[in-house]
Amino acid sequence: MNEDLVADCVHCGFCLPTCPTYLLWGEEMDSPRGRIYLMKNVLDGAPLDETTVGHFDACLGCMSCVTACPSGVQYDVLIEQTRAAIESADPSRPKALRRMIFATFPYPRRLRALRPLLRAYQATGAQRLIRKRMRGSLTTMAGLVPPLGDRQAVPALTPPVGPLRMRVGMLLGCVQREFFPGVNAATARVLAAEGCEVVAPAKQRCCGALSLHSGREAEAVARAKRLIATFEDAAVDAIVVNAAGCGSSMKDYGRLLADDPEWAERAVRFSARCRDVTELLAELGPVATRHPLPVVAAYHDACHLSHAQGVRAQPRDLLRGIPGLELREIAEPEICCGSAGIYNLLNPEPARELADRKAGNVRATGAELLITANPGCLMQIDSALRRAGSAMTLAHTIEVLDASLRGASVGPRGSTS
């Protein structure tokens, strides 16, 4: 923990109404201000005991407080440093569920191996039976798995439609690649339609976002270096990301590797080329024809896109450029949906409360379609809407743009026809 960063907090309380856990429990130590107070205590010699660690574990890391803070407190950096300190203090801390998560989710091949089992599970009555019999994290995990269709692999090279405007690299992701392959396919199509040559290196692996946000710093560093080297070999002008959590971490590699003489400059150059797909499309400007998409839609700000990356206007502007699409805002946009990487698996009860709150605000818009930019948000809000009996369609921002460019419609859970 950085003592100077801790000292930046003036304890004004502007963060309190934006903090999901303070909103749920009204407990000072479960607010950013309270957690920074605990960080100071630890720096002054207080132990990282079970109670203190519990308050840090309860944080979603949504960074809404970073947006709200008038003093520029880098709470995002502080909570990552604190979690790294906790991991270092007790390397044996991870329980079975955490071990399973980190042995599975960052590995696309392992996720791919699970697909046949998950599809069989979804096709039988086992899904309903498990939800009735199980409790806690396993129930949450079972309820979050999206319907799995056929895999749609993105080619290693997708040529531009028309004159070449830019050569871009594309992160395929882990969960995105295996559970939401349609999002990647749509991303490549939209970029190509807007004049981009899309390079998707087959050897790319996990970006390390889950590790970084969970305090597994050494793991995150190793994955960052591997990904930097992969895209250096690709020789691209920009690196496009369609998962908010991945993008926020990749843009932070310069800080993560700042103390490594061999990698510091390479990390800064890499991060400077990273763009959320909506950022890049907004910078390029449209050339492809948008066809009408007559639908009333609501846009949900993914925390790692809006708070971590400051990307708010670009996706809205792109969506408003679609003829016939009416875009509505959701109440309490700053409050996290409860997904937060692996938070909803490790803390299922508060995550469910936040998801139900978000689903209520979404339904209040009267929209037919919910649009967001992160696979975790899609799964979390979809699960909550289904619990509420809603048949609302959900889609990634890029899937909606893709549907407009192709003259298609957005079907159930982002499918296009």
Protein backbone atom coordinates (compact mmCIF):
# COMPACT_ATOMS: atom_id res chain seq x y z
CA MET A 1 0.00 0.00 0.00
CA ASN A 2 1.27 3.43 -0.94
CA GLU A 3 1.25 5.76 2.06
CA ASP A 4 1.06 8.89 -0.12
CA LEU A 5 -2.00 7.57 -1.96
CA VAL A 6 -3.68 6.75 1.34
CA ALA A 7 -3.01 10.30 2.55
CA ASP A 8 -4.81 11.76 -0.50
CA CYS A 9 -8.19 10.87 1.05
CA VAL A 10 -9.68 13.86 2.94
CA HIS A 11 -12.64 11.77 4.22
CA CYS A 12 -15.22 14.09 2.64
CA GLY A 13 -17.77 11.31 2.06
CA PHE A 14 -18.59 12.03 -1.59
CA CYS A 15 -17.87 8.35 -2.27
CA LEU A 16 -20.47 7.01 0.14
CA PRO A 17 -23.65 7.24 -2.01
CA THR A 18 -21.86 5.65 -4.98
CA CYS A 19 -20.46 2.63 -3.08
CA PRO A 20 -22.55 -0.54 -3.57
CA THR A 21 -21.63 -2.15 -0.26
CA TYR A 22 -22.22 1.03 1.74
CA LEU A 23 -25.55 1.30 -0.06
CA LEU A 24 -26.44 -2.25 1.01
CA TRP A 25 -25.23 -2.19 4.62
CA GLY A 26 -24.62 1.42 5.70
CA GLU A 27 -21.40 0.31 7.40
CA GLU A 28 -18.56 2.86 7.39
CA MET A 29 -15.84 0.21 7.13
CA ASP A 30 -17.57 -1.11 4.00
CA SER A 31 -17.21 2.23 2.23
CA PRO A 32 -14.14 3.47 0.32
CA ARG A 33 -13.49 6.04 3.04
CA GLY A 34 -13.67 3.39 5.74
CA ARG A 35 -11.46 0.96 3.83
CA ILE A 36 -8.83 3.67 3.33
CA TYR A 37 -8.94 4.26 7.09
CA LEU A 38 -8.26 0.53 7.57
CA MET A 39 -5.39 0.72 5.06
CA LYS A 40 -3.83 3.51 7.11
CA ASN A 41 -4.18 1.40 10.25
CA VAL A 42 -2.37 -1.47 8.56
CA LEU A 43 0.42 0.86 7.43
CA ASP A 44 0.67 2.02 11.06
CA GLY A 45 1.16 -1.56 12.21
CA ALA A 46 -2.33 -2.99 12.71
CA PRO A 47 -2.63 -6.66 11.72
CA LEU A 48 -4.42 -7.87 8.61
CA ASP A 49 -6.81 -9.87 10.76
CA GLU A 50 -9.92 -11.70 9.59
CA THR A 51 -12.27 -8.78 10.27
CA THR A 52 -10.13 -6.26 8.41
CA VAL A 53 -9.59 -8.60 5.47
CA GLY A 54 -13.35 -9.23 5.37
CA HIS A 55 -14.01 -5.53 4.74
CA PHE A 56 -11.49 -5.51 1.88
CA ASP A 57 -12.92 -8.72 0.42
CA ALA A 58 -16.40 -7.19 0.47
CA CYS A 59 -15.29 -4.45 -1.96
CA LEU A 60 -16.43 -5.02 -5.54
CA GLY A 61 -13.60 -2.95 -7.00
CA CYS A 62 -16.17 -1.20 -9.20
CA MET A 63 -14.32 2.15 -8.97
CA SER A 64 -17.50 4.21 -8.82
CA CYS A 65 -15.84 6.02 -5.93
CA VAL A 66 -12.94 7.00 -8.20
CA THR A 67 -15.36 8.82 -10.49
CA ALA A 68 -17.13 10.48 -7.54
CA CYS A 69 -14.00 11.59 -5.63
CA PRO A 70 -13.27 15.34 -5.89
CA SER A 71 -9.74 14.83 -4.53
CA GLY A 72 -8.59 12.34 -7.18
CA VAL A 73 -7.96 9.52 -4.72
CA GLN A 74 -6.66 6.47 -6.61
CA TYR A 75 -8.77 3.95 -4.73
CA ASP A 76 -8.49 1.49 -7.63
CA VAL A 77 -4.72 1.33 -7.16
CA LEU A 78 -5.05 1.17 -3.38
CA ILE A 79 -7.47 -1.77 -3.32
CA GLU A 80 -5.30 -3.71 -5.79
CA GLN A 81 -2.21 -3.06 -3.65
CA THR A 82 -4.11 -4.07 -0.53
CA ARG A 83 -5.29 -7.31 -2.06
CA ALA A 84 -1.76 -8.08 -3.21
CA ALA A 85 -0.56 -7.48 0.38
CA ILE A 86 -3.23 -9.86 1.68
CA GLU A 87 -2.18 -12.55 -0.78
CA SER A 88 1.49 -12.10 0.20
CA ALA A 89 0.69 -12.21 3.91
CA ASP A 90 -1.22 -15.47 3.58
CA PRO A 91 -0.31 -17.41 0.41
CA SER A 92 -2.42 -20.37 1.56
CA ARG A 93 -5.52 -18.17 1.85
CA PRO A 94 -7.30 -19.22 -1.36
CA LYS A 95 -10.09 -21.70 -0.70
CA ALA A 96 -11.28 -24.44 -3.03
CA LEU A 97 -13.64 -22.17 -4.97
CA ARG A 98 -10.93 -19.56 -5.62
CA ARG A 99 -8.52 -22.26 -6.73
CA MET A 100 -11.12 -23.65 -9.11
CA ILE A 101 -11.88 -20.20 -10.56
CA PHE A 102 -8.23 -19.37 -11.24
CA ALA A 103 -7.55 -22.83 -12.61
CA THR A 104 -10.40 -22.50 -15.11
CA PHE A 105 -11.52 -19.02 -16.15
CA PRO A 106 -8.19 -17.64 -17.45
CA TYR A 107 -7.72 -20.69 -19.73
CA PRO A 108 -9.82 -20.68 -22.94
CA ARG A 109 -8.95 -24.30 -23.74
CA ARG A 110 -10.22 -25.46 -20.36
CA LEU A 111 -13.41 -23.42 -20.80
CA ARG A 112 -13.79 -24.94 -24.26
CA ALA A 113 -13.51 -28.43 -22.79
CA LEU A 114 -16.43 -27.59 -20.48
CA ARG A 115 -18.72 -26.50 -23.31
CA PRO A 116 -20.11 -29.98 -24.17
CA LEU A 117 -20.89 -30.64 -20.50
CA LEU A 118 -22.53 -27.23 -20.07
CA ARG A 119 -24.60 -27.64 -23.22
CA ALA A 120 -25.82 -31.03 -22.04
CA TYR A 121 -26.60 -29.52 -18.65
CA GLN A 122 -28.64 -26.77 -20.28
CA ALA A 123 -30.49 -29.17 -22.55
CA THR A 124 -31.77 -31.34 -19.69
CA GLY A 125 -33.76 -30.80 -16.53
CA ALA A 126 -30.52 -30.80 -14.53
CA GLN A 127 -30.42 -27.01 -14.65
CA ARG A 128 -33.70 -26.62 -12.75
CA LEU A 129 -32.82 -29.45 -10.35
CA ILE A 130 -29.43 -27.97 -9.45
CA ARG A 131 -30.91 -24.53 -8.84
CA LYS A 132 -33.39 -26.06 -6.40
CA ARG A 133 -30.90 -28.25 -4.54
CA MET A 134 -27.76 -26.10 -4.38
CA ARG A 135 -27.03 -22.90 -2.52
CA GLY A 136 -24.43 -20.15 -2.58
CA SER A 137 -21.68 -19.83 -5.16
CA LEU A 138 -22.41 -23.03 -7.07
CA THR A 139 -26.04 -22.00 -7.55
CA THR A 140 -24.85 -18.62 -8.76
CA MET A 141 -22.43 -20.18 -11.20
CA ALA A 142 -25.10 -22.51 -12.55
CA GLY A 143 -27.51 -19.63 -13.04
CA LEU A 144 -25.00 -17.40 -14.82
CA VAL A 145 -23.97 -19.70 -17.64
CA PRO A 146 -25.41 -18.22 -20.86
CA PRO A 147 -27.07 -20.42 -23.50
CA LEU A 148 -24.22 -21.95 -25.46
CA GLY A 149 -24.64 -22.17 -29.20
CA ASP A 150 -22.03 -23.20 -31.75
CA ARG A 151 -18.54 -21.76 -31.44
CA GLN A 152 -17.71 -18.97 -33.87
CA ALA A 153 -13.96 -18.73 -34.28
CA VAL A 154 -12.52 -15.42 -35.44
CA PRO A 155 -10.02 -15.82 -38.32
CA ALA A 156 -6.40 -14.90 -37.69
CA LEU A 157 -6.79 -12.19 -40.34
CA THR A 158 -9.99 -10.45 -41.43
CA PRO A 159 -9.51 -8.15 -44.45
CA PRO A 160 -11.13 -4.70 -44.57
CA VAL A 161 -14.22 -3.99 -46.61
CA GLY A 162 -13.12 -1.22 -48.95
CA PRO A 163 -9.99 0.91 -48.52
CA LEU A 164 -7.73 0.11 -45.57
CA ARG A 165 -8.02 2.70 -42.79
CA MET A 166 -6.18 0.92 -39.94
CA ARG A 167 -4.58 -2.40 -39.01
CA VAL A 168 -5.85 -3.44 -35.59
CA GLY A 169 -5.15 -6.30 -33.23
CA MET A 170 -8.08 -7.91 -31.45
CA LEU A 171 -8.13 -9.43 -27.98
CA LEU A 172 -10.23 -12.60 -28.06
CA GLY A 173 -10.50 -12.94 -24.29
CA CYS A 174 -11.23 -16.04 -22.23
CA VAL A 175 -14.90 -16.06 -21.15
CA GLN A 176 -15.73 -13.84 -24.14
CA ARG A 177 -14.12 -16.29 -26.58
CA GLU A 178 -15.85 -19.40 -25.26
CA PHE A 179 -19.16 -18.22 -23.78
CA PHE A 180 -19.89 -15.20 -26.02
CA PRO A 181 -18.23 -16.09 -29.35
CA GLY A 182 -20.87 -14.12 -31.23
CA VAL A 183 -19.52 -10.91 -29.68
CA ASN A 184 -16.06 -11.58 -31.08
CA ALA A 185 -17.45 -12.49 -34.51
CA ALA A 186 -19.52 -9.29 -34.54
CA THR A 187 -16.48 -7.24 -33.48
CA ALA A 188 -14.40 -8.51 -36.40
CA ARG A 189 -17.24 -7.89 -38.87
CA VAL A 190 -17.91 -4.32 -37.68
CA LEU A 191 -14.23 -3.38 -37.68
CA ALA A 192 -13.80 -4.82 -41.18
CA ALA A 193 -16.89 -2.96 -42.39
CA GLU A 194 -15.34 0.27 -41.08
CA GLY A 195 -12.14 -0.30 -43.06
CA CYS A 196 -9.96 -2.14 -40.56
CA GLU A 197 -7.74 -5.11 -41.19
CA VAL A 198 -8.29 -7.23 -38.07
CA VAL A 199 -5.45 -9.36 -36.70
CA ALA A 200 -6.45 -11.91 -34.03
CA PRO A 201 -3.29 -13.81 -33.02
CA ALA A 202 -4.17 -17.44 -32.35
CA LYS A 203 -1.47 -17.80 -29.67
CA GLN A 204 -2.81 -14.99 -27.47
CA ARG A 205 -3.69 -15.95 -23.90
CA CYS A 206 -5.32 -14.39 -20.83
CA CYS A 207 -4.69 -10.66 -20.24
CA GLY A 208 -4.46 -11.18 -16.45
CA ALA A 209 -7.41 -8.95 -15.50
CA LEU A 210 -8.97 -11.37 -13.00
CA SER A 211 -5.57 -11.95 -11.40
CA LEU A 212 -4.75 -8.25 -11.16
CA HIS A 213 -8.11 -7.32 -9.64
CA SER A 214 -7.82 -10.16 -7.11
CA GLY A 215 -4.33 -9.35 -5.80
CA ARG A 216 -2.53 -12.14 -7.66
CA GLU A 217 0.09 -9.70 -8.88
CA ALA A 218 2.85 -12.07 -9.97
CA GLU A 219 0.36 -13.99 -12.09
CA ALA A 220 -0.97 -10.75 -13.62
CA VAL A 221 2.56 -9.57 -14.43
CA ALA A 222 3.45 -12.82 -16.21
CA ARG A 223 0.26 -12.70 -18.28
CA ALA A 224 0.74 -9.03 -19.13
CA LYS A 225 4.26 -9.68 -20.45
CA ARG A 226 3.10 -12.61 -22.56
CA LEU A 227 0.27 -10.59 -24.11
CA ILE A 228 2.50 -7.59 -24.82
CA ALA A 229 4.98 -9.83 -26.66
CA THR A 230 2.17 -11.45 -28.66
CA PHE A 231 0.83 -8.16 -29.99
CA GLU A 232 4.31 -6.72 -30.59
CA ASP A 233 4.80 -9.57 -33.05
CA ALA A 234 1.47 -8.70 -34.73
CA ALA A 235 2.67 -5.19 -35.72
CA VAL A 236 -0.68 -3.43 -35.40
CA ASP A 237 -1.67 0.24 -35.07
CA ALA A 238 -4.11 -0.33 -32.21
CA ILE A 239 -5.31 -3.17 -29.99
CA VAL A 240 -9.08 -3.47 -29.70
CA VAL A 241 -10.85 -4.91 -26.66
CA ASN A 242 -14.57 -5.73 -26.34
CA ALA A 243 -14.58 -6.75 -22.66
CA ALA A 244 -14.48 -3.82 -20.22
CA GLY A 245 -12.57 -5.60 -17.44
CA CYS A 246 -9.85 -6.78 -19.83
CA GLY A 247 -9.52 -3.34 -21.38
CA SER A 248 -9.09 -1.56 -18.06
CA SER A 249 -6.26 -3.90 -17.04
CA MET A 250 -4.49 -3.72 -20.40
CA LYS A 251 -4.53 0.08 -20.25
CA ASP A 252 -2.91 -0.22 -16.81
CA TYR A 253 0.07 -2.36 -17.85
CA GLY A 254 2.33 0.70 -17.76
CA ARG A 255 1.75 1.05 -14.02
CA LEU A 256 1.85 -2.71 -13.41
CA LEU A 257 5.29 -3.07 -15.04
CA ALA A 258 6.70 0.36 -14.15
CA ASP A 259 9.47 -1.10 -11.96
CA ASP A 260 10.65 -3.65 -14.52
CA PRO A 261 13.52 -2.12 -16.57
CA GLU A 262 13.06 -4.59 -19.43
CA TRP A 263 9.30 -4.20 -19.75
CA ALA A 264 8.36 -0.72 -18.50
CA GLU A 265 8.62 1.13 -21.83
CA ARG A 266 7.14 -1.77 -23.77
CA ALA A 267 4.16 -1.79 -21.39
CA VAL A 268 3.60 1.96 -21.79
CA ARG A 269 3.68 1.65 -25.59
CA PHE A 270 1.28 -1.30 -25.47
CA SER A 271 -1.21 0.42 -23.18
CA ALA A 272 -1.17 3.57 -25.32
CA ARG A 273 -2.41 1.49 -28.27
CA CYS A 274 -5.27 -0.20 -26.36
CA ARG A 275 -8.79 0.93 -27.19
CA ASP A 276 -12.24 -0.26 -26.28
CA VAL A 277 -13.93 -1.15 -29.56
CA THR A 278 -16.40 1.73 -29.14
CA GLU A 279 -13.51 4.15 -28.56
CA LEU A 280 -11.81 3.10 -31.77
CA LEU A 281 -14.99 3.25 -33.83
CA ALA A 282 -15.74 6.71 -32.47
CA GLU A 283 -12.20 7.87 -33.35
CA LEU A 284 -12.43 6.46 -36.88
CA GLY A 285 -15.90 7.79 -37.62
CA PRO A 286 -18.48 5.77 -39.57
CA VAL A 287 -18.18 4.87 -43.24
CA ALA A 288 -20.41 1.77 -43.36
CA THR A 289 -24.15 2.23 -43.87
CA ARG A 290 -26.37 1.87 -40.81
CA HIS A 291 -29.69 0.20 -41.51
CA PRO A 292 -32.74 0.97 -39.34
CA LEU A 293 -33.13 -0.99 -36.13
CA PRO A 294 -36.51 -0.02 -34.66
CA VAL A 295 -36.10 -0.88 -31.00
CA VAL A 296 -36.30 0.83 -27.61
CA ALA A 297 -33.04 0.11 -25.80
CA ALA A 298 -31.46 0.89 -22.43
CA TYR A 299 -27.68 1.20 -22.05
CA HIS A 300 -25.92 -0.14 -18.93
CA ASP A 301 -22.51 1.33 -18.07
CA ALA A 302 -20.07 -1.48 -17.28
CA CYS A 303 -18.00 -0.29 -14.31
CA HIS A 304 -14.63 -1.07 -15.87
CA LEU A 305 -15.62 0.84 -18.98
CA SER A 306 -17.21 3.93 -17.43
CA HIS A 307 -15.26 4.33 -14.17
CA ALA A 308 -11.94 2.67 -14.99
CA GLN A 309 -11.60 3.80 -18.61
CA GLY A 310 -13.84 6.87 -18.67
CA VAL A 311 -15.65 5.60 -21.77
CA ARG A 312 -19.26 6.75 -21.54
CA ALA A 313 -20.16 8.97 -24.47
CA GLN A 314 -18.70 6.84 -27.29
CA PRO A 315 -21.00 3.79 -26.99
CA ARG A 316 -24.04 6.03 -26.60
CA ASP A 317 -23.09 8.13 -29.62
CA LEU A 318 -22.58 5.01 -31.74
CA LEU A 319 -25.94 3.58 -30.68
CA ARG A 320 -27.74 6.88 -31.31
CA GLY A 321 -26.30 6.80 -34.83
CA ILE A 322 -28.46 3.76 -35.62
CA PRO A 323 -31.68 4.84 -37.37
CA GLY A 324 -34.82 3.88 -35.46
CA LEU A 325 -33.06 2.99 -32.19
CA GLU A 326 -34.36 4.88 -29.15
CA LEU A 327 -31.86 4.93 -26.29
CA ARG A 328 -33.03 5.29 -22.69
CA GLU A 329 -30.97 5.85 -19.54
CA ILE A 330 -31.09 3.63 -16.44
CA ALA A 331 -31.50 5.07 -12.93
CA GLU A 332 -28.48 4.74 -10.60
CA PRO A 333 -26.04 4.16 -13.47
CA GLU A 334 -23.08 4.50 -11.09
CA ILE A 335 -24.15 1.48 -8.98
CA CYS A 336 -22.52 -1.83 -9.95
CA CYS A 337 -24.68 -4.76 -11.09
CA GLY A 338 -22.78 -7.06 -8.70
CA SER A 339 -20.78 -9.03 -11.26
CA ALA A 340 -17.38 -7.37 -10.67
CA GLY A 341 -15.13 -10.06 -12.12
CA ILE A 342 -15.45 -13.03 -9.76
CA TYR A 343 -17.18 -11.12 -6.97
CA ASN A 344 -20.58 -12.66 -7.73
CA LEU A 345 -19.08 -16.14 -7.28
CA LEU A 346 -17.25 -15.38 -4.04
CA ASN A 347 -19.99 -13.16 -2.56
CA PRO A 348 -23.24 -14.44 -4.09
CA GLU A 349 -25.71 -12.88 -1.66
CA PRO A 350 -24.74 -9.18 -1.93
CA ALA A 351 -24.09 -9.69 -5.65
CA ARG A 352 -27.62 -11.00 -6.07
CA GLU A 353 -29.08 -8.03 -4.15
CA LEU A 354 -27.23 -5.63 -6.42
CA ALA A 355 -28.26 -7.53 -9.54
CA ASP A 356 -31.92 -7.46 -8.52
CA ARG A 357 -31.66 -3.72 -7.83
CA LYS A 358 -30.12 -3.18 -11.26
CA ALA A 359 -32.72 -5.37 -12.96
CA GLY A 360 -35.49 -3.32 -11.34
CA ASN A 361 -33.99 -0.11 -12.69
CA VAL A 362 -33.58 -1.69 -16.12
CA ARG A 363 -37.20 -2.84 -16.24
CA ALA A 364 -38.37 0.62 -15.16
CA THR A 365 -37.04 2.06 -18.44
CA GLY A 366 -39.66 0.14 -20.41
CA ALA A 367 -36.98 -0.86 -22.92
CA GLU A 368 -37.16 -4.03 -25.02
CA LEU A 369 -33.40 -4.42 -25.26
CA LEU A 370 -30.59 -3.99 -22.72
CA ILE A 371 -27.17 -3.14 -24.13
CA THR A 372 -23.85 -3.31 -22.28
CA ALA A 373 -20.15 -3.87 -22.97
CA ASN A 374 -18.95 -6.65 -20.67
CA PRO A 375 -19.58 -10.41 -20.54
CA GLY A 376 -19.85 -10.43 -16.74
CA CYS A 377 -22.54 -7.74 -16.79
CA LEU A 378 -24.46 -9.59 -19.50
CA MET A 379 -24.53 -12.79 -17.44
CA GLN A 380 -25.28 -11.06 -14.14
CA ILE A 381 -28.15 -8.86 -15.34
CA ASP A 382 -29.60 -11.59 -17.54
CA SER A 383 -29.78 -13.88 -14.52
CA ALA A 384 -31.55 -11.20 -12.45
CA LEU A 385 -34.02 -10.37 -15.21
CA ARG A 386 -34.88 -14.05 -15.58
CA ARG A 387 -35.49 -14.29 -11.82
CA ALA A 388 -37.89 -11.37 -12.18
CA GLY A 389 -39.74 -13.12 -15.00
CA SER A 390 -38.57 -10.69 -17.67
CA ALA A 391 -38.08 -11.77 -21.26
CA MET A 392 -35.98 -8.72 -22.14
CA THR A 393 -33.33 -9.25 -24.81
CA LEU A 394 -29.70 -8.50 -23.89
CA ALA A 395 -26.84 -7.74 -26.26
CA HIS A 396 -23.32 -6.41 -26.36
CA THR A 397 -22.95 -2.93 -27.91
CA ILE A 398 -21.01 -4.34 -30.85
CA GLU A 399 -23.72 -6.92 -31.58
CA VAL A 400 -26.27 -4.13 -31.97
CA LEU A 401 -23.99 -2.20 -34.33
CA ASP A 402 -23.34 -5.39 -36.28
CA ALA A 403 -27.08 -6.03 -36.63
CA SER A 404 -27.59 -2.52 -38.01
CA LEU A 405 -24.73 -2.83 -40.51
CA ARG A 406 -26.05 -6.19 -41.73
CA GLY A 407 -29.70 -5.12 -41.80
CA ALA A 408 -30.49 -7.84 -39.24
CA SER A 409 -32.47 -7.86 -36.01
CA VAL A 410 -31.23 -8.50 -32.48
CA GLY A 411 -32.68 -11.76 -31.20
CA PRO A 412 -32.68 -13.47 -27.78
CA ARG A 413 -29.54 -12.76 -25.76
CA GLY A 414 -27.74 -10.95 -28.53
CA SER A 415 -28.29 -13.39 -31.42
CA THR A 416 -28.86 -11.71 -34.78
CA SER A 417 -30.94 -12.78 -37.71
